[in-house]
Amino acid sequence: MQAFTRLDAKSAPLPLANIDTDQIIPKQFLKTVDRAGLAKGLFYDLRFDRQGREKPDFVLNQPAYKGAGVLIAGDNFGCGSSREHAPWALMDFGIKAVISTSFADIFYNNCFQNGLLPVVLKAEQVAQLMDEARGGNHVVSVDLETQTVTSPSGQVFAFEIDPQRKAKMLQGLDAIGETLTSAASIDTYETKRALSQPWLERA
């Protein structure tokens, strides 16, 4: 997992509440466990018409927002069924942070396990970021170390995050990576156990 420290990127406004995981990545794209290539299914029904053509009015199809790295979303983002493909698809598309007033719990947890930063801000702050993202300058800065979001106009908004999750994001550690930091201690324990309880090693 890549470490997240600071992101300076275009922001794209998606002022829709209750975007669920099936809207983020529809079920037909869940046949793979490969994270690469899922960008094609991101917001598929919102991005494309029935003939597979891009809908020009959808924000991520508009030239001004091509290459956006931050999504400014409505309330309760990521609700619905649990699917780790949702943060995978967002990251494969190039989105590294999502800012909202609230996230569904499972999606929120999945984000941290995959290096996607979910940022919770107050409603008025999200509304301002939405408004500024619609303007000509829509580059925002998301700084995990200082726990701040800087708007295009230079206003700074602070956000809260669990210290342990913050530390793992800064180091690029998922659950497996965190376990591997204790590899030496695990090896020592396994060696001692094999000597003191050799019957446990028998097939």
N, C-alpha and C. Protein backbone atom coordinates (compact mmCIF):
# COMPACT_ATOMS: atom_id res chain seq x y z
N MET A 1 0.84 -1.19 0.00
CA MET A 1 0.00 0.00 0.00
C MET A 1 0.88 1.25 0.00
N GLN A 2 0.55 2.21 -0.83
CA GLN A 2 1.32 3.45 -0.88
C GLN A 2 1.04 4.33 0.33
N ALA A 3 2.07 4.98 0.81
CA ALA A 3 1.90 5.91 1.93
C ALA A 3 1.14 7.14 1.46
N PHE A 4 0.36 7.72 2.34
CA PHE A 4 -0.35 8.97 2.06
C PHE A 4 0.19 10.02 3.02
N THR A 5 0.76 11.08 2.47
CA THR A 5 1.26 12.17 3.31
C THR A 5 0.53 13.47 2.97
N ARG A 6 0.72 13.94 1.74
CA ARG A 6 0.06 15.16 1.29
C ARG A 6 -0.33 15.00 -0.17
N LEU A 7 -1.51 15.47 -0.50
CA LEU A 7 -2.02 15.39 -1.87
C LEU A 7 -2.44 16.78 -2.33
N ASP A 8 -1.88 17.22 -3.44
CA ASP A 8 -2.31 18.46 -4.10
C ASP A 8 -2.91 18.06 -5.44
N ALA A 9 -4.20 18.22 -5.58
CA ALA A 9 -4.86 17.68 -6.77
C ALA A 9 -6.15 18.43 -7.10
N LYS A 10 -6.61 18.24 -8.32
CA LYS A 10 -7.91 18.77 -8.72
C LYS A 10 -8.99 18.11 -7.86
N SER A 11 -10.01 18.88 -7.54
CA SER A 11 -11.16 18.33 -6.82
C SER A 11 -12.37 18.35 -7.73
N ALA A 12 -13.17 17.30 -7.63
CA ALA A 12 -14.38 17.18 -8.44
C ALA A 12 -15.59 17.12 -7.52
N PRO A 13 -16.61 17.97 -7.74
CA PRO A 13 -17.79 17.97 -6.88
C PRO A 13 -18.83 16.94 -7.32
N LEU A 14 -19.28 16.12 -6.39
CA LEU A 14 -20.35 15.16 -6.65
C LEU A 14 -21.40 15.34 -5.55
N PRO A 15 -22.27 16.35 -5.70
CA PRO A 15 -23.21 16.73 -4.64
C PRO A 15 -24.43 15.82 -4.55
N LEU A 16 -24.19 14.53 -4.44
CA LEU A 16 -25.27 13.55 -4.34
C LEU A 16 -25.13 12.81 -3.01
N ALA A 17 -26.22 12.73 -2.25
CA ALA A 17 -26.19 12.01 -0.98
C ALA A 17 -26.47 10.53 -1.20
N ASN A 18 -26.01 9.71 -0.26
CA ASN A 18 -26.30 8.28 -0.24
C ASN A 18 -25.81 7.54 -1.49
N ILE A 19 -24.65 7.94 -2.01
CA ILE A 19 -24.05 7.18 -3.10
C ILE A 19 -23.60 5.83 -2.53
N ASP A 20 -24.21 4.74 -3.02
CA ASP A 20 -23.87 3.44 -2.44
C ASP A 20 -22.77 2.74 -3.25
N THR A 21 -22.31 1.62 -2.72
CA THR A 21 -21.17 0.93 -3.33
C THR A 21 -21.54 0.34 -4.69
N ASP A 22 -22.82 0.06 -4.93
CA ASP A 22 -23.21 -0.45 -6.25
C ASP A 22 -23.16 0.66 -7.29
N GLN A 23 -23.36 1.90 -6.87
CA GLN A 23 -23.20 3.03 -7.78
C GLN A 23 -21.71 3.32 -8.01
N ILE A 24 -20.91 3.13 -6.97
CA ILE A 24 -19.47 3.36 -7.11
C ILE A 24 -18.86 2.33 -8.06
N ILE A 25 -19.21 1.06 -7.87
CA ILE A 25 -18.71 0.00 -8.76
C ILE A 25 -19.81 -1.07 -8.88
N PRO A 26 -20.58 -1.05 -9.97
CA PRO A 26 -21.69 -1.99 -10.15
C PRO A 26 -21.26 -3.45 -10.11
N LYS A 27 -22.22 -4.30 -9.79
CA LYS A 27 -21.95 -5.72 -9.51
C LYS A 27 -21.28 -6.45 -10.66
N GLN A 28 -21.51 -6.04 -11.91
CA GLN A 28 -20.91 -6.77 -13.05
C GLN A 28 -19.40 -6.63 -13.11
N PHE A 29 -18.85 -5.71 -12.32
CA PHE A 29 -17.40 -5.51 -12.32
C PHE A 29 -16.72 -6.18 -11.13
N LEU A 30 -17.47 -7.01 -10.41
CA LEU A 30 -16.93 -7.63 -9.20
C LEU A 30 -16.39 -9.04 -9.44
N LYS A 31 -16.21 -9.42 -10.70
CA LYS A 31 -15.79 -10.78 -11.00
C LYS A 31 -14.29 -10.98 -10.87
N THR A 32 -13.56 -9.91 -10.60
CA THR A 32 -12.11 -9.99 -10.51
C THR A 32 -11.63 -9.60 -9.12
N VAL A 33 -10.47 -10.12 -8.75
CA VAL A 33 -9.83 -9.68 -7.51
C VAL A 33 -8.59 -8.86 -7.83
N ASP A 34 -8.45 -8.52 -9.11
CA ASP A 34 -7.34 -7.67 -9.56
C ASP A 34 -7.77 -6.22 -9.43
N ARG A 35 -6.99 -5.45 -8.73
CA ARG A 35 -7.35 -4.05 -8.51
C ARG A 35 -7.18 -3.20 -9.76
N ALA A 36 -6.29 -3.58 -10.63
CA ALA A 36 -6.05 -2.82 -11.86
C ALA A 36 -7.20 -3.03 -12.84
N GLY A 37 -7.60 -1.96 -13.50
CA GLY A 37 -8.65 -2.07 -14.52
C GLY A 37 -10.04 -1.76 -14.03
N LEU A 38 -10.21 -1.56 -12.73
CA LEU A 38 -11.55 -1.30 -12.19
C LEU A 38 -12.03 0.12 -12.46
N ALA A 39 -11.13 0.99 -12.89
CA ALA A 39 -11.52 2.38 -13.18
C ALA A 39 -12.61 2.43 -14.24
N LYS A 40 -12.60 1.46 -15.15
CA LYS A 40 -13.61 1.48 -16.23
C LYS A 40 -15.03 1.32 -15.68
N GLY A 41 -15.16 0.72 -14.49
CA GLY A 41 -16.49 0.51 -13.92
C GLY A 41 -16.91 1.55 -12.91
N LEU A 42 -16.00 2.47 -12.58
CA LEU A 42 -16.31 3.47 -11.56
C LEU A 42 -17.49 4.35 -11.97
N PHE A 43 -18.50 4.42 -11.13
CA PHE A 43 -19.71 5.22 -11.39
C PHE A 43 -20.27 4.92 -12.79
N TYR A 44 -20.23 3.66 -13.18
CA TYR A 44 -20.53 3.30 -14.57
C TYR A 44 -21.90 3.82 -15.03
N ASP A 45 -22.92 3.61 -14.21
CA ASP A 45 -24.27 4.03 -14.63
C ASP A 45 -24.45 5.54 -14.62
N LEU A 46 -23.59 6.24 -13.86
CA LEU A 46 -23.63 7.70 -13.86
C LEU A 46 -22.78 8.27 -14.99
N ARG A 47 -21.70 7.57 -15.34
CA ARG A 47 -20.76 8.08 -16.35
C ARG A 47 -21.17 7.77 -17.78
N PHE A 48 -21.89 6.65 -17.98
CA PHE A 48 -22.18 6.19 -19.35
C PHE A 48 -23.67 5.98 -19.58
N ASP A 49 -24.08 6.15 -20.83
CA ASP A 49 -25.47 5.85 -21.19
C ASP A 49 -25.59 4.38 -21.57
N ARG A 50 -26.75 3.95 -22.03
CA ARG A 50 -26.97 2.53 -22.32
C ARG A 50 -26.16 2.03 -23.51
N GLN A 51 -25.68 2.94 -24.33
CA GLN A 51 -24.84 2.57 -25.47
C GLN A 51 -23.35 2.61 -25.11
N GLY A 52 -23.07 2.89 -23.85
CA GLY A 52 -21.68 2.93 -23.41
C GLY A 52 -20.97 4.23 -23.73
N ARG A 53 -21.72 5.25 -24.08
CA ARG A 53 -21.13 6.55 -24.38
C ARG A 53 -21.09 7.41 -23.13
N GLU A 54 -20.02 8.20 -22.99
CA GLU A 54 -19.90 9.07 -21.82
C GLU A 54 -21.02 10.10 -21.78
N LYS A 55 -21.57 10.30 -20.59
CA LYS A 55 -22.56 11.35 -20.39
C LYS A 55 -21.80 12.66 -20.14
N PRO A 56 -21.95 13.63 -21.03
CA PRO A 56 -21.15 14.86 -20.91
C PRO A 56 -21.44 15.68 -19.66
N ASP A 57 -22.63 15.47 -19.04
CA ASP A 57 -22.97 16.27 -17.87
C ASP A 57 -22.45 15.70 -16.57
N PHE A 58 -21.90 14.47 -16.62
CA PHE A 58 -21.36 13.90 -15.38
C PHE A 58 -19.99 14.51 -15.11
N VAL A 59 -19.76 14.89 -13.87
CA VAL A 59 -18.60 15.70 -13.52
C VAL A 59 -17.27 15.08 -13.95
N LEU A 60 -17.09 13.79 -13.76
CA LEU A 60 -15.80 13.17 -14.07
C LEU A 60 -15.57 12.99 -15.57
N ASN A 61 -16.61 13.26 -16.36
CA ASN A 61 -16.45 13.22 -17.82
C ASN A 61 -16.11 14.60 -18.39
N GLN A 62 -16.22 15.62 -17.58
CA GLN A 62 -15.99 16.98 -18.06
C GLN A 62 -14.49 17.29 -18.10
N PRO A 63 -14.02 17.93 -19.17
CA PRO A 63 -12.58 18.20 -19.34
C PRO A 63 -11.92 18.87 -18.15
N ALA A 64 -12.63 19.77 -17.49
CA ALA A 64 -12.04 20.51 -16.37
C ALA A 64 -11.68 19.61 -15.20
N TYR A 65 -12.33 18.44 -15.12
CA TYR A 65 -12.11 17.55 -13.97
C TYR A 65 -11.36 16.28 -14.33
N LYS A 66 -10.88 16.20 -15.55
CA LYS A 66 -10.08 15.04 -15.93
C LYS A 66 -8.82 14.98 -15.05
N GLY A 67 -8.54 13.83 -14.53
CA GLY A 67 -7.37 13.67 -13.67
C GLY A 67 -7.59 14.11 -12.24
N ALA A 68 -8.86 14.29 -11.83
CA ALA A 68 -9.15 14.70 -10.46
C ALA A 68 -8.63 13.65 -9.47
N GLY A 69 -8.03 14.14 -8.39
CA GLY A 69 -7.51 13.24 -7.37
C GLY A 69 -8.29 13.28 -6.07
N VAL A 70 -9.20 14.27 -5.97
CA VAL A 70 -10.01 14.43 -4.77
C VAL A 70 -11.48 14.52 -5.18
N LEU A 71 -12.32 13.74 -4.52
CA LEU A 71 -13.76 13.78 -4.78
C LEU A 71 -14.44 14.44 -3.60
N ILE A 72 -15.24 15.48 -3.88
CA ILE A 72 -16.03 16.14 -2.84
C ILE A 72 -17.44 15.57 -2.96
N ALA A 73 -17.84 14.78 -1.98
CA ALA A 73 -19.08 13.99 -2.11
C ALA A 73 -20.15 14.43 -1.12
N GLY A 74 -21.38 13.98 -1.40
CA GLY A 74 -22.51 14.26 -0.53
C GLY A 74 -22.51 13.37 0.70
N ASP A 75 -23.53 13.54 1.54
CA ASP A 75 -23.63 12.80 2.80
C ASP A 75 -23.68 11.29 2.59
N ASN A 76 -23.21 10.56 3.60
CA ASN A 76 -23.34 9.10 3.67
C ASN A 76 -22.75 8.41 2.44
N PHE A 77 -21.57 8.82 2.07
CA PHE A 77 -20.92 8.25 0.90
C PHE A 77 -20.46 6.82 1.19
N GLY A 78 -20.68 5.92 0.23
CA GLY A 78 -20.21 4.54 0.36
C GLY A 78 -21.14 3.63 1.14
N CYS A 79 -22.42 3.98 1.22
CA CYS A 79 -23.37 3.12 1.92
C CYS A 79 -23.70 1.89 1.06
N GLY A 80 -24.53 1.02 1.58
CA GLY A 80 -24.89 -0.19 0.82
C GLY A 80 -24.03 -1.38 1.19
N SER A 81 -23.92 -2.31 0.27
CA SER A 81 -23.23 -3.56 0.55
C SER A 81 -21.73 -3.36 0.72
N SER A 82 -21.13 -4.30 1.43
CA SER A 82 -19.68 -4.24 1.63
C SER A 82 -18.98 -4.77 0.40
N ARG A 83 -18.14 -3.97 -0.21
CA ARG A 83 -17.32 -4.44 -1.33
C ARG A 83 -16.04 -3.62 -1.38
N GLU A 84 -14.93 -4.33 -1.23
CA GLU A 84 -13.63 -3.66 -1.23
C GLU A 84 -13.29 -3.11 -2.61
N HIS A 85 -14.02 -3.59 -3.63
CA HIS A 85 -13.81 -3.09 -4.99
C HIS A 85 -14.11 -1.59 -5.10
N ALA A 86 -14.94 -1.06 -4.19
CA ALA A 86 -15.30 0.37 -4.27
C ALA A 86 -14.08 1.27 -4.09
N PRO A 87 -13.32 1.14 -3.00
CA PRO A 87 -12.11 1.95 -2.92
C PRO A 87 -11.08 1.59 -3.98
N TRP A 88 -11.03 0.32 -4.38
CA TRP A 88 -10.10 -0.07 -5.46
C TRP A 88 -10.40 0.71 -6.73
N ALA A 89 -11.69 0.79 -7.09
CA ALA A 89 -12.08 1.46 -8.33
C ALA A 89 -11.76 2.95 -8.27
N LEU A 90 -12.03 3.57 -7.13
CA LEU A 90 -11.74 4.99 -6.98
C LEU A 90 -10.24 5.25 -7.15
N MET A 91 -9.43 4.41 -6.51
CA MET A 91 -7.98 4.61 -6.59
C MET A 91 -7.44 4.30 -7.98
N ASP A 92 -8.00 3.30 -8.64
CA ASP A 92 -7.55 2.97 -9.99
C ASP A 92 -7.88 4.10 -10.96
N PHE A 93 -8.93 4.84 -10.65
CA PHE A 93 -9.33 5.99 -11.47
C PHE A 93 -8.42 7.20 -11.20
N GLY A 94 -7.71 7.16 -10.07
CA GLY A 94 -6.82 8.27 -9.73
C GLY A 94 -7.25 9.09 -8.54
N ILE A 95 -8.37 8.73 -7.93
CA ILE A 95 -8.86 9.45 -6.77
C ILE A 95 -8.19 8.89 -5.51
N LYS A 96 -7.52 9.75 -4.78
CA LYS A 96 -6.75 9.33 -3.59
C LYS A 96 -7.40 9.77 -2.29
N ALA A 97 -8.36 10.69 -2.36
CA ALA A 97 -9.04 11.16 -1.15
C ALA A 97 -10.48 11.50 -1.49
N VAL A 98 -11.38 11.22 -0.55
CA VAL A 98 -12.79 11.58 -0.69
C VAL A 98 -13.17 12.41 0.52
N ILE A 99 -13.79 13.55 0.28
CA ILE A 99 -14.21 14.44 1.35
C ILE A 99 -15.73 14.47 1.41
N SER A 100 -16.27 14.26 2.59
CA SER A 100 -17.72 14.26 2.77
C SER A 100 -18.04 14.64 4.20
N THR A 101 -19.33 14.80 4.48
CA THR A 101 -19.76 15.04 5.86
C THR A 101 -19.86 13.74 6.63
N SER A 102 -20.04 12.61 5.91
CA SER A 102 -20.16 11.31 6.57
C SER A 102 -19.95 10.19 5.57
N PHE A 103 -19.48 9.05 6.11
CA PHE A 103 -19.25 7.85 5.31
C PHE A 103 -19.92 6.65 5.98
N ALA A 104 -20.31 5.68 5.18
CA ALA A 104 -20.78 4.42 5.74
C ALA A 104 -19.60 3.72 6.40
N ASP A 105 -19.85 3.06 7.53
CA ASP A 105 -18.78 2.50 8.35
C ASP A 105 -17.89 1.52 7.60
N ILE A 106 -18.48 0.56 6.88
CA ILE A 106 -17.67 -0.47 6.22
C ILE A 106 -16.81 0.14 5.13
N PHE A 107 -17.39 1.03 4.33
CA PHE A 107 -16.62 1.70 3.30
C PHE A 107 -15.49 2.51 3.92
N TYR A 108 -15.79 3.21 4.99
CA TYR A 108 -14.79 4.04 5.69
C TYR A 108 -13.61 3.17 6.13
N ASN A 109 -13.90 2.02 6.71
CA ASN A 109 -12.83 1.11 7.15
C ASN A 109 -12.04 0.56 5.96
N ASN A 110 -12.73 0.20 4.89
CA ASN A 110 -12.07 -0.34 3.70
C ASN A 110 -11.11 0.69 3.08
N CYS A 111 -11.47 1.95 3.17
CA CYS A 111 -10.59 2.99 2.62
C CYS A 111 -9.21 2.94 3.26
N PHE A 112 -9.18 2.85 4.57
CA PHE A 112 -7.90 2.85 5.28
C PHE A 112 -7.07 1.61 4.97
N GLN A 113 -7.74 0.51 4.68
CA GLN A 113 -7.02 -0.72 4.36
C GLN A 113 -6.43 -0.70 2.95
N ASN A 114 -6.81 0.30 2.16
CA ASN A 114 -6.37 0.34 0.77
C ASN A 114 -5.67 1.64 0.38
N GLY A 115 -5.45 2.53 1.34
CA GLY A 115 -4.70 3.74 1.05
C GLY A 115 -5.50 4.90 0.51
N LEU A 116 -6.83 4.78 0.55
CA LEU A 116 -7.70 5.88 0.13
C LEU A 116 -8.10 6.65 1.38
N LEU A 117 -7.85 7.96 1.41
CA LEU A 117 -8.12 8.74 2.62
C LEU A 117 -9.53 9.31 2.61
N PRO A 118 -10.38 8.90 3.56
CA PRO A 118 -11.71 9.50 3.71
C PRO A 118 -11.64 10.63 4.73
N VAL A 119 -12.04 11.82 4.33
CA VAL A 119 -11.95 12.99 5.19
C VAL A 119 -13.36 13.48 5.53
N VAL A 120 -13.63 13.61 6.82
CA VAL A 120 -14.93 14.10 7.27
C VAL A 120 -14.79 15.56 7.69
N LEU A 121 -15.59 16.42 7.04
CA LEU A 121 -15.61 17.84 7.38
C LEU A 121 -17.03 18.27 7.71
N LYS A 122 -17.17 19.46 8.25
CA LYS A 122 -18.49 20.00 8.56
C LYS A 122 -19.24 20.30 7.26
N ALA A 123 -20.57 20.33 7.37
CA ALA A 123 -21.41 20.53 6.18
C ALA A 123 -21.08 21.83 5.46
N GLU A 124 -20.88 22.90 6.21
CA GLU A 124 -20.60 24.18 5.57
C GLU A 124 -19.23 24.20 4.89
N GLN A 125 -18.29 23.43 5.42
CA GLN A 125 -16.97 23.35 4.80
C GLN A 125 -17.03 22.55 3.51
N VAL A 126 -17.77 21.44 3.54
CA VAL A 126 -17.94 20.64 2.33
C VAL A 126 -18.67 21.45 1.26
N ALA A 127 -19.68 22.20 1.68
CA ALA A 127 -20.42 23.04 0.74
C ALA A 127 -19.51 24.07 0.08
N GLN A 128 -18.61 24.65 0.87
CA GLN A 128 -17.69 25.64 0.30
C GLN A 128 -16.74 24.99 -0.69
N LEU A 129 -16.23 23.81 -0.34
CA LEU A 129 -15.33 23.11 -1.25
C LEU A 129 -16.06 22.74 -2.55
N MET A 130 -17.33 22.38 -2.42
CA MET A 130 -18.15 22.08 -3.61
C MET A 130 -18.23 23.32 -4.50
N ASP A 131 -18.54 24.46 -3.88
CA ASP A 131 -18.68 25.70 -4.64
C ASP A 131 -17.38 26.08 -5.33
N GLU A 132 -16.28 25.97 -4.60
CA GLU A 132 -14.99 26.35 -5.19
C GLU A 132 -14.58 25.36 -6.27
N ALA A 133 -14.94 24.09 -6.11
CA ALA A 133 -14.59 23.08 -7.11
C ALA A 133 -15.30 23.35 -8.44
N ARG A 134 -16.43 24.04 -8.37
CA ARG A 134 -17.17 24.38 -9.59
C ARG A 134 -16.55 25.57 -10.30
N GLY A 135 -15.64 26.27 -9.63
CA GLY A 135 -15.00 27.43 -10.23
C GLY A 135 -13.81 27.04 -11.09
N GLY A 136 -13.11 28.04 -11.58
CA GLY A 136 -11.99 27.79 -12.48
C GLY A 136 -10.80 27.15 -11.80
N ASN A 137 -10.54 27.55 -10.54
CA ASN A 137 -9.43 26.97 -9.80
C ASN A 137 -9.99 25.99 -8.79
N HIS A 138 -9.75 24.70 -9.02
CA HIS A 138 -10.32 23.72 -8.10
C HIS A 138 -9.27 22.75 -7.58
N VAL A 139 -8.05 23.25 -7.37
CA VAL A 139 -6.99 22.43 -6.79
C VAL A 139 -7.01 22.58 -5.27
N VAL A 140 -7.11 21.47 -4.57
CA VAL A 140 -7.09 21.48 -3.11
C VAL A 140 -5.87 20.73 -2.62
N SER A 141 -5.51 20.98 -1.36
CA SER A 141 -4.41 20.27 -0.71
C SER A 141 -4.98 19.50 0.48
N VAL A 142 -4.67 18.24 0.53
CA VAL A 142 -5.08 17.40 1.66
C VAL A 142 -3.80 16.94 2.34
N ASP A 143 -3.59 17.40 3.55
CA ASP A 143 -2.36 17.11 4.29
C ASP A 143 -2.72 16.22 5.48
N LEU A 144 -2.30 14.96 5.41
CA LEU A 144 -2.63 14.03 6.49
C LEU A 144 -1.83 14.32 7.75
N GLU A 145 -0.57 14.70 7.57
CA GLU A 145 0.27 14.94 8.74
C GLU A 145 -0.27 16.06 9.62
N THR A 146 -0.72 17.16 8.98
CA THR A 146 -1.28 18.28 9.75
C THR A 146 -2.79 18.18 9.92
N GLN A 147 -3.39 17.17 9.28
CA GLN A 147 -4.84 16.93 9.32
C GLN A 147 -5.62 18.16 8.87
N THR A 148 -5.25 18.66 7.69
CA THR A 148 -5.90 19.85 7.16
C THR A 148 -6.23 19.68 5.67
N VAL A 149 -7.28 20.38 5.27
CA VAL A 149 -7.63 20.52 3.85
C VAL A 149 -7.58 22.00 3.53
N THR A 150 -6.83 22.35 2.49
CA THR A 150 -6.74 23.75 2.08
C THR A 150 -7.52 23.92 0.78
N SER A 151 -8.49 24.80 0.80
CA SER A 151 -9.34 25.04 -0.35
C SER A 151 -8.60 25.81 -1.43
N PRO A 152 -9.14 25.87 -2.66
CA PRO A 152 -8.50 26.65 -3.72
C PRO A 152 -8.29 28.11 -3.35
N SER A 153 -9.19 28.65 -2.51
CA SER A 153 -9.06 30.06 -2.12
C SER A 153 -8.12 30.26 -0.94
N GLY A 154 -7.59 29.16 -0.39
CA GLY A 154 -6.62 29.26 0.69
C GLY A 154 -7.17 29.07 2.09
N GLN A 155 -8.46 28.79 2.21
CA GLN A 155 -9.03 28.54 3.53
C GLN A 155 -8.61 27.15 4.01
N VAL A 156 -8.33 27.05 5.28
CA VAL A 156 -7.83 25.79 5.86
C VAL A 156 -8.88 25.20 6.79
N PHE A 157 -9.20 23.92 6.54
CA PHE A 157 -10.17 23.20 7.37
C PHE A 157 -9.46 22.03 8.04
N ALA A 158 -9.63 21.90 9.34
CA ALA A 158 -9.02 20.80 10.09
C ALA A 158 -9.98 19.61 10.14
N PHE A 159 -9.42 18.42 10.12
CA PHE A 159 -10.25 17.21 10.25
C PHE A 159 -9.66 16.27 11.29
N GLU A 160 -10.53 15.43 11.86
CA GLU A 160 -10.12 14.46 12.87
C GLU A 160 -9.87 13.10 12.22
N ILE A 161 -8.95 12.34 12.81
CA ILE A 161 -8.67 10.99 12.32
C ILE A 161 -8.08 10.19 13.48
N ASP A 162 -8.41 8.92 13.52
CA ASP A 162 -7.87 8.05 14.56
C ASP A 162 -6.34 8.02 14.45
N PRO A 163 -5.62 8.23 15.55
CA PRO A 163 -4.15 8.29 15.49
C PRO A 163 -3.49 7.03 14.91
N GLN A 164 -4.02 5.86 15.23
CA GLN A 164 -3.44 4.63 14.71
C GLN A 164 -3.64 4.53 13.20
N ARG A 165 -4.82 4.88 12.74
CA ARG A 165 -5.08 4.86 11.30
C ARG A 165 -4.19 5.88 10.59
N LYS A 166 -4.05 7.03 11.18
CA LYS A 166 -3.18 8.07 10.60
C LYS A 166 -1.75 7.56 10.47
N ALA A 167 -1.24 6.94 11.52
CA ALA A 167 0.14 6.45 11.51
C ALA A 167 0.34 5.40 10.42
N LYS A 168 -0.64 4.51 10.28
CA LYS A 168 -0.51 3.45 9.26
C LYS A 168 -0.60 4.02 7.85
N MET A 169 -1.46 5.02 7.65
CA MET A 169 -1.56 5.66 6.34
C MET A 169 -0.26 6.37 5.98
N LEU A 170 0.32 7.07 6.95
CA LEU A 170 1.57 7.79 6.70
C LEU A 170 2.70 6.84 6.34
N GLN A 171 2.64 5.62 6.90
CA GLN A 171 3.68 4.63 6.63
C GLN A 171 3.34 3.69 5.47
N GLY A 172 2.10 3.78 4.97
CA GLY A 172 1.69 2.89 3.90
C GLY A 172 1.49 1.46 4.35
N LEU A 173 0.92 1.29 5.55
CA LEU A 173 0.74 -0.04 6.12
C LEU A 173 -0.72 -0.45 6.12
N ASP A 174 -1.04 -1.57 5.48
CA ASP A 174 -2.35 -2.18 5.64
C ASP A 174 -2.25 -3.20 6.77
N ALA A 175 -3.27 -4.04 6.96
CA ALA A 175 -3.25 -5.00 8.07
C ALA A 175 -2.09 -5.98 7.96
N ILE A 176 -1.81 -6.42 6.73
CA ILE A 176 -0.71 -7.36 6.53
C ILE A 176 0.62 -6.67 6.77
N GLY A 177 0.76 -5.48 6.22
CA GLY A 177 1.99 -4.73 6.41
C GLY A 177 2.27 -4.44 7.87
N GLU A 178 1.22 -4.12 8.62
CA GLU A 178 1.38 -3.86 10.04
C GLU A 178 1.87 -5.12 10.76
N THR A 179 1.33 -6.27 10.40
CA THR A 179 1.75 -7.53 11.00
C THR A 179 3.22 -7.82 10.70
N LEU A 180 3.62 -7.53 9.45
CA LEU A 180 4.99 -7.83 9.04
C LEU A 180 6.02 -6.96 9.76
N THR A 181 5.61 -5.85 10.34
CA THR A 181 6.56 -5.05 11.11
C THR A 181 7.01 -5.79 12.37
N SER A 182 6.23 -6.80 12.75
CA SER A 182 6.58 -7.61 13.92
C SER A 182 7.12 -8.97 13.51
N ALA A 183 7.60 -9.09 12.27
CA ALA A 183 8.05 -10.38 11.76
C ALA A 183 9.15 -11.00 12.61
N ALA A 184 10.10 -10.19 13.07
CA ALA A 184 11.20 -10.72 13.89
C ALA A 184 10.67 -11.32 15.19
N SER A 185 9.75 -10.63 15.84
CA SER A 185 9.17 -11.13 17.09
C SER A 185 8.36 -12.40 16.86
N ILE A 186 7.67 -12.45 15.73
CA ILE A 186 6.89 -13.64 15.40
C ILE A 186 7.81 -14.83 15.17
N ASP A 187 8.89 -14.59 14.45
CA ASP A 187 9.86 -15.67 14.19
C ASP A 187 10.47 -16.18 15.50
N THR A 188 10.80 -15.27 16.40
CA THR A 188 11.37 -15.67 17.70
C THR A 188 10.37 -16.51 18.49
N TYR A 189 9.11 -16.08 18.49
CA TYR A 189 8.07 -16.83 19.19
C TYR A 189 7.91 -18.23 18.60
N GLU A 190 7.88 -18.32 17.28
CA GLU A 190 7.70 -19.62 16.61
C GLU A 190 8.87 -20.56 16.92
N THR A 191 10.08 -20.01 16.96
CA THR A 191 11.26 -20.83 17.27
C THR A 191 11.19 -21.36 18.70
N LYS A 192 10.85 -20.50 19.65
CA LYS A 192 10.74 -20.92 21.05
C LYS A 192 9.64 -21.95 21.24
N ARG A 193 8.52 -21.76 20.56
CA ARG A 193 7.42 -22.71 20.69
C ARG A 193 7.80 -24.06 20.12
N ALA A 194 8.52 -24.06 19.00
CA ALA A 194 8.93 -25.32 18.38
C ALA A 194 9.85 -26.11 19.31
N LEU A 195 10.69 -25.40 20.10
CA LEU A 195 11.61 -26.06 21.03
C LEU A 195 10.89 -26.56 22.27
N SER A 196 9.94 -25.77 22.77
CA SER A 196 9.26 -26.13 24.01
C SER A 196 8.06 -27.05 23.80
N GLN A 197 7.46 -26.99 22.59
CA GLN A 197 6.27 -27.82 22.30
C GLN A 197 6.43 -28.46 20.91
N PRO A 198 7.42 -29.34 20.75
CA PRO A 198 7.71 -29.89 19.43
C PRO A 198 6.57 -30.69 18.82
N TRP A 199 5.68 -31.21 19.66
CA TRP A 199 4.55 -32.00 19.13
C TRP A 199 3.58 -31.15 18.29
N LEU A 200 3.61 -29.86 18.49
CA LEU A 200 2.74 -29.00 17.70
C LEU A 200 3.23 -28.84 16.27
N GLU A 201 4.50 -29.19 16.03
CA GLU A 201 5.08 -29.05 14.70
C GLU A 201 4.85 -30.27 13.84
N ARG A 202 4.35 -31.35 14.45
CA ARG A 202 4.16 -32.59 13.69
C ARG A 202 2.92 -32.49 12.82
N ALA A 203 3.03 -33.05 11.64
CA ALA A 203 1.89 -33.03 10.71
C ALA A 203 0.79 -33.95 11.19
